[in-house]
Amino acid sequence: MTEYHLRTRKKKNIKEKTMANITLGGTPTFTNGSLPELGEKCPDFTLISKDLNTVHLNDFAGKKLVLNIFPSVDTGVCSASVRTFNEHASKYPDTVMLCISKDLPFAQARFCGADGIEDVEVLSDFKTGKFGQDYGVEIESGAFAGLHARAVVVTDANHSVVYTELVPEIGQAPDFESALKALS
């Protein structure tokens, strides 16, 4: 990039996104960008609930959020992460735990019904994929291309980011303890 181009981008306050390197079974892959930064407001989103309603970030005004982002509830680590956050959700009445993937809402509803998942909200990015793009978690290469990387974003009640984790190996669980500690 030329110096002029860099100065122009800075003047326009355009944030350059860098791709994150992750692995799937040890095979390198990357995402389309990076997670929101600490202190930054979460990008708005439009997702679909398991009962096919449209859900936006502002629907959770005044609540802390845990965004548990993952490839699919049909994999062991992903389903375990939903179960783990579901187990802890009732301990945090001022917090909503959102479990977000590109699974169809029908699959999410089936999973929640079969596993008794009632304390978290499962949401789908299947319609547009914009959430994955805006949050920098869209996998751009490899077997999981088009799905979301495994990540956790925690916000305060104003939806400013207080914690992030992009799990470096997709088959690895997130650091639940650190994510929950960020709610204190």
Protein backbone atom coordinates (compact mmCIF):
# COMPACT_ATOMS: atom_id res chain seq x y z
CA MET A 1 0.00 0.00 0.00
CA THR A 2 1.29 3.46 -0.76
CA GLU A 3 1.80 6.01 1.98
CA TYR A 4 -1.01 8.13 0.47
CA HIS A 5 -3.38 5.18 0.54
CA LEU A 6 -2.54 4.48 4.20
CA ARG A 7 -3.05 8.13 5.18
CA THR A 8 -6.36 8.26 3.30
CA ARG A 9 -7.62 5.11 5.01
CA LYS A 10 -6.63 6.51 8.42
CA LYS A 11 -8.41 9.81 7.70
CA LYS A 12 -11.56 7.96 6.74
CA ASN A 13 -11.21 5.86 9.92
CA ILE A 14 -11.49 2.62 7.99
CA LYS A 15 -10.49 -0.36 10.08
CA GLU A 16 -8.29 -2.84 8.25
CA LYS A 17 -9.25 -6.41 9.07
CA THR A 18 -6.59 -9.02 9.20
CA MET A 19 -7.31 -12.68 8.67
CA ALA A 20 -6.84 -14.96 11.64
CA ASN A 21 -4.94 -18.21 11.25
CA ILE A 22 -6.59 -21.25 12.82
CA THR A 23 -6.38 -24.99 12.27
CA LEU A 24 -8.83 -27.80 11.63
CA GLY A 25 -7.35 -31.12 12.69
CA GLY A 26 -3.92 -29.49 12.47
CA THR A 27 -4.49 -28.31 8.88
CA PRO A 28 -4.00 -24.54 8.54
CA THR A 29 -6.98 -22.44 7.51
CA PHE A 30 -8.02 -18.84 8.10
CA THR A 31 -10.98 -16.62 8.80
CA ASN A 32 -12.17 -13.56 6.87
CA GLY A 33 -11.06 -11.14 9.58
CA SER A 34 -10.63 -10.77 13.30
CA LEU A 35 -12.93 -10.57 16.29
CA PRO A 36 -14.12 -7.19 17.57
CA GLU A 37 -11.51 -5.55 19.78
CA LEU A 38 -11.75 -5.10 23.54
CA GLY A 39 -13.69 -1.92 24.37
CA GLU A 40 -15.27 -1.79 20.92
CA LYS A 41 -19.05 -1.92 20.53
CA CYS A 42 -20.30 -5.17 19.04
CA PRO A 43 -21.38 -4.90 15.43
CA ASP A 44 -25.15 -5.04 15.05
CA PHE A 45 -26.53 -8.33 13.81
CA THR A 46 -29.64 -9.92 12.37
CA LEU A 47 -29.94 -13.62 13.14
CA ILE A 48 -32.74 -16.17 13.06
CA SER A 49 -34.02 -17.94 16.17
CA LYS A 50 -34.96 -21.62 16.30
CA ASP A 51 -38.63 -20.59 15.98
CA LEU A 52 -37.76 -18.57 12.81
CA ASN A 53 -38.03 -15.10 14.39
CA THR A 54 -35.58 -12.37 13.45
CA VAL A 55 -33.29 -11.33 16.31
CA HIS A 56 -31.13 -8.18 16.50
CA LEU A 57 -28.43 -7.05 18.90
CA ASN A 58 -30.71 -4.31 20.29
CA ASP A 59 -33.21 -6.99 21.38
CA PHE A 60 -30.80 -7.59 24.28
CA ALA A 61 -30.50 -3.95 25.42
CA GLY A 62 -29.22 -3.64 28.98
CA LYS A 63 -28.05 -7.27 29.15
CA LYS A 64 -24.53 -8.62 29.17
CA LEU A 65 -23.95 -11.10 26.36
CA VAL A 66 -21.92 -14.23 25.82
CA LEU A 67 -21.66 -15.02 22.11
CA ASN A 68 -20.70 -18.69 21.79
CA ILE A 69 -19.84 -18.96 18.09
CA PHE A 70 -19.17 -22.34 16.46
CA PRO A 71 -19.37 -24.35 13.20
CA SER A 72 -22.33 -26.71 13.87
CA VAL A 73 -24.35 -28.25 16.71
CA ASP A 74 -23.91 -31.56 14.88
CA THR A 75 -20.28 -31.87 16.02
CA GLY A 76 -19.17 -33.07 19.45
CA VAL A 77 -17.21 -30.03 20.61
CA CYS A 78 -19.87 -27.59 19.37
CA SER A 79 -22.74 -29.39 21.07
CA ALA A 80 -20.66 -29.69 24.27
CA SER A 81 -20.05 -25.93 24.27
CA VAL A 82 -23.79 -25.25 24.01
CA ARG A 83 -24.44 -27.68 26.88
CA THR A 84 -21.72 -26.09 29.02
CA PHE A 85 -23.00 -22.54 28.56
CA ASN A 86 -26.56 -23.81 29.14
CA GLU A 87 -25.44 -25.27 32.50
CA HIS A 88 -24.04 -21.89 33.60
CA ALA A 89 -26.67 -19.56 32.14
CA SER A 90 -29.03 -19.54 35.14
CA LYS A 91 -26.16 -18.35 37.38
CA TYR A 92 -26.01 -15.06 35.44
CA PRO A 93 -29.50 -13.47 35.45
CA ASP A 94 -28.23 -10.21 33.92
CA THR A 95 -26.67 -12.08 30.99
CA VAL A 96 -28.00 -13.70 27.83
CA MET A 97 -25.95 -16.51 26.35
CA LEU A 98 -26.29 -16.72 22.58
CA CYS A 99 -25.10 -19.82 20.73
CA ILE A 100 -24.52 -18.86 17.10
CA SER A 101 -23.85 -21.03 14.06
CA LYS A 102 -24.94 -21.37 10.44
CA ASP A 103 -27.03 -24.45 11.25
CA LEU A 104 -30.60 -24.31 10.05
CA PRO A 105 -33.00 -23.29 12.83
CA PHE A 106 -34.72 -26.69 12.45
CA ALA A 107 -31.49 -28.50 13.37
CA GLN A 108 -30.92 -26.12 16.27
CA ALA A 109 -34.47 -26.70 17.58
CA ARG A 110 -34.08 -30.48 17.24
CA PHE A 111 -30.77 -30.39 19.15
CA CYS A 112 -32.17 -28.19 21.93
CA GLY A 113 -35.26 -30.36 22.30
CA ALA A 114 -33.30 -33.61 22.43
CA ASP A 115 -30.75 -32.25 24.91
CA GLY A 116 -33.05 -30.19 27.13
CA ILE A 117 -31.32 -26.91 26.21
CA GLU A 118 -33.51 -24.15 27.62
CA ASP A 119 -31.31 -21.51 29.24
CA VAL A 120 -29.35 -20.29 26.19
CA GLU A 121 -30.64 -18.91 22.92
CA VAL A 122 -29.52 -20.62 19.73
CA LEU A 123 -29.39 -18.37 16.69
CA SER A 124 -28.63 -19.01 13.04
CA ASP A 125 -26.65 -16.97 10.52
CA PHE A 126 -27.83 -19.19 7.64
CA LYS A 127 -29.71 -16.51 5.69
CA THR A 128 -27.00 -13.97 4.96
CA GLY A 129 -23.77 -15.02 6.69
CA LYS A 130 -23.33 -11.34 7.57
CA PHE A 131 -22.76 -12.06 11.26
CA GLY A 132 -19.79 -14.30 10.44
CA GLN A 133 -18.40 -11.68 8.07
CA ASP A 134 -18.87 -8.75 10.49
CA TYR A 135 -17.42 -10.62 13.47
CA GLY A 136 -14.44 -11.96 11.48
CA VAL A 137 -15.28 -15.63 12.10
CA GLU A 138 -16.21 -16.81 8.61
CA ILE A 139 -13.87 -19.63 7.65
CA GLU A 140 -12.52 -18.95 4.17
CA SER A 141 -10.62 -22.12 3.34
CA GLY A 142 -10.51 -25.83 4.00
CA ALA A 143 -13.23 -28.37 4.76
CA PHE A 144 -15.24 -25.94 6.93
CA ALA A 145 -15.13 -23.02 4.46
CA GLY A 146 -18.29 -20.95 4.81
CA LEU A 147 -18.94 -22.00 8.41
CA HIS A 148 -18.02 -20.04 11.54
CA ALA A 149 -14.80 -20.54 13.46
CA ARG A 150 -15.07 -21.41 17.14
CA ALA A 151 -14.98 -18.21 19.19
CA VAL A 152 -16.41 -16.53 22.27
CA VAL A 153 -17.19 -12.84 22.64
CA VAL A 154 -18.38 -11.42 25.98
CA THR A 155 -19.90 -7.95 26.31
CA ASP A 156 -20.95 -5.67 29.12
CA ALA A 157 -24.55 -4.40 29.38
CA ASN A 158 -23.77 -1.67 26.81
CA HIS A 159 -22.53 -4.33 24.37
CA SER A 160 -18.92 -3.20 24.54
CA VAL A 161 -16.53 -6.14 24.20
CA VAL A 162 -14.87 -7.19 27.47
CA TYR A 163 -13.47 -10.60 26.39
CA THR A 164 -12.72 -12.45 23.17
CA GLU A 165 -11.29 -15.81 22.29
CA LEU A 166 -10.75 -17.22 18.83
CA VAL A 167 -10.02 -20.87 19.50
CA PRO A 168 -6.85 -21.69 17.53
CA GLU A 169 -7.86 -25.30 16.75
CA ILE A 170 -11.48 -25.73 15.68
CA GLY A 171 -11.69 -29.14 17.39
CA GLN A 172 -10.72 -27.62 20.75
CA ALA A 173 -13.22 -26.31 23.32
CA PRO A 174 -13.17 -22.64 24.27
CA ASP A 175 -11.87 -21.47 27.65
CA PHE A 176 -15.21 -21.50 29.47
CA GLU A 177 -13.72 -20.42 32.80
CA SER A 178 -12.14 -17.25 31.38
CA ALA A 179 -15.28 -16.34 29.42
CA LEU A 180 -17.49 -16.68 32.49
CA LYS A 181 -14.98 -14.82 34.67
CA ALA A 182 -15.26 -11.87 32.25
CA LEU A 183 -18.90 -11.46 33.34
CA SER A 184 -17.83 -10.41 36.86
